[in-house]
């Protein structure tokens, strides 16, 4: 399995982390919400200014859509690969140990 982008990894970690904290093995509405929130953070990041306010980049609808589609394509390829479940186990085991 090739290395996932930081955006795809953040989404997977948000989803799986919400499921693990809820003690569930299957899909969890909280996990879906966490994954969507992580996706938004990567597609349309908020930036802090030195004076404490936030800036949101101005993106066209097409730019936002391209960013979401790029992450979705990567996640789809990851899910369809035969070793995605094993990769997830190893990734989270490493995170738990560190």
Protein backbone atom coordinates (compact mmCIF):
# COMPACT_ATOMS: atom_id res chain seq x y z
CA UNK A 1 0.00 0.00 0.00
CA UNK A 2 1.42 3.33 -0.97
CA UNK A 3 1.53 6.18 1.51
CA UNK A 4 -1.77 8.02 1.90
CA UNK A 5 -1.93 11.78 1.59
CA UNK A 6 -2.25 13.73 4.84
CA UNK A 7 -5.85 14.62 3.89
CA UNK A 8 -6.90 11.01 3.30
CA UNK A 9 -5.13 9.84 6.44
CA UNK A 10 -6.83 12.54 8.55
CA UNK A 11 -10.24 11.44 7.26
CA UNK A 12 -9.57 7.76 7.95
CA UNK A 13 -8.21 8.55 11.41
CA UNK A 14 -11.24 10.73 12.24
CA UNK A 15 -13.69 8.05 11.14
CA UNK A 16 -11.91 5.11 12.74
CA UNK A 17 -11.10 7.10 15.88
CA UNK A 18 -14.77 7.98 16.40
CA UNK A 19 -15.72 4.33 15.93
CA UNK A 20 -13.01 3.15 18.33
CA UNK A 21 -13.99 5.67 21.01
CA UNK A 22 -17.62 4.61 20.66
CA UNK A 23 -16.58 0.97 20.97
CA UNK A 24 -18.21 0.02 17.68
CA UNK A 25 -17.06 -2.34 14.99
CA UNK A 26 -19.39 -1.05 12.29
CA UNK A 27 -20.47 2.25 10.83
CA UNK A 28 -21.20 5.01 13.28
CA UNK A 29 -22.96 8.33 12.57
CA UNK A 30 -20.38 10.08 14.75
CA UNK A 31 -17.64 8.55 12.63
CA UNK A 32 -19.22 9.80 9.42
CA UNK A 33 -19.55 13.29 10.90
CA UNK A 34 -15.94 13.24 12.08
CA UNK A 35 -14.77 12.12 8.64
CA UNK A 36 -16.74 14.84 6.89
CA UNK A 37 -15.40 17.46 9.27
CA UNK A 38 -11.83 16.29 8.63
CA UNK A 39 -12.45 16.48 4.88
CA UNK A 40 -13.71 20.05 5.16
CA UNK A 41 -10.65 21.00 7.23
CA UNK A 42 -8.38 19.77 4.43
CA UNK A 43 -10.39 21.09 1.50
CA UNK A 44 -11.13 24.54 2.96
CA UNK A 45 -8.60 25.14 5.74
CA UNK A 46 -9.02 27.95 8.22
CA UNK A 47 -5.88 29.96 8.89
CA UNK A 48 -5.16 31.99 12.02
CA UNK A 49 -3.87 35.52 11.54
CA UNK A 50 -1.22 36.96 13.86
CA UNK A 51 -3.95 39.06 15.52
CA UNK A 52 -6.14 36.04 16.34
CA UNK A 53 -8.86 36.13 13.73
CA UNK A 54 -9.34 33.46 11.09
CA UNK A 55 -9.09 33.60 7.33
CA UNK A 56 -10.89 31.24 4.98
CA UNK A 57 -9.45 30.89 1.49
CA UNK A 58 -11.79 31.89 -1.29
CA UNK A 59 -12.21 28.91 -3.60
CA UNK A 60 -14.51 28.51 -6.52
CA UNK A 61 -17.07 25.73 -6.33
CA UNK A 62 -15.06 23.87 -8.98
CA UNK A 63 -11.85 24.11 -6.92
CA UNK A 64 -13.59 22.84 -3.80
CA UNK A 65 -15.20 20.02 -5.78
CA UNK A 66 -11.83 19.02 -7.29
CA UNK A 67 -10.25 18.85 -3.85
CA UNK A 68 -13.07 16.70 -2.45
CA UNK A 69 -13.02 14.43 -5.53
CA UNK A 70 -9.26 13.98 -5.27
CA UNK A 71 -9.57 12.80 -1.67
CA UNK A 72 -12.58 10.61 -2.52
CA UNK A 73 -10.69 8.98 -5.40
CA UNK A 74 -7.75 8.26 -3.13
CA UNK A 75 -9.98 6.79 -0.42
CA UNK A 76 -11.86 4.69 -2.97
CA UNK A 77 -8.60 3.25 -4.29
CA UNK A 78 -7.45 2.58 -0.74
CA UNK A 79 -10.69 0.80 0.18
CA UNK A 80 -10.62 -1.34 -2.95
CA UNK A 81 -7.03 -2.46 -2.38
CA UNK A 82 -6.77 -5.89 -0.86
CA UNK A 83 -4.54 -4.83 2.03
CA UNK A 84 -6.44 -1.79 3.33
CA UNK A 85 -7.76 -3.55 6.45
CA UNK A 86 -4.31 -4.84 7.38
CA UNK A 87 -2.81 -1.40 6.74
CA UNK A 88 -5.40 0.18 9.08
CA UNK A 89 -4.68 -2.34 11.83
CA UNK A 90 -0.94 -1.67 11.61
CA UNK A 91 -1.41 2.10 11.44
CA UNK A 92 -3.63 2.31 14.51
CA UNK A 93 -1.53 -0.21 16.44
CA UNK A 94 1.50 2.00 15.83
CA UNK A 95 -0.44 5.11 16.95
CA UNK A 96 -1.61 3.38 20.14
CA UNK A 97 1.93 2.31 21.01
CA UNK A 98 3.43 5.77 20.51
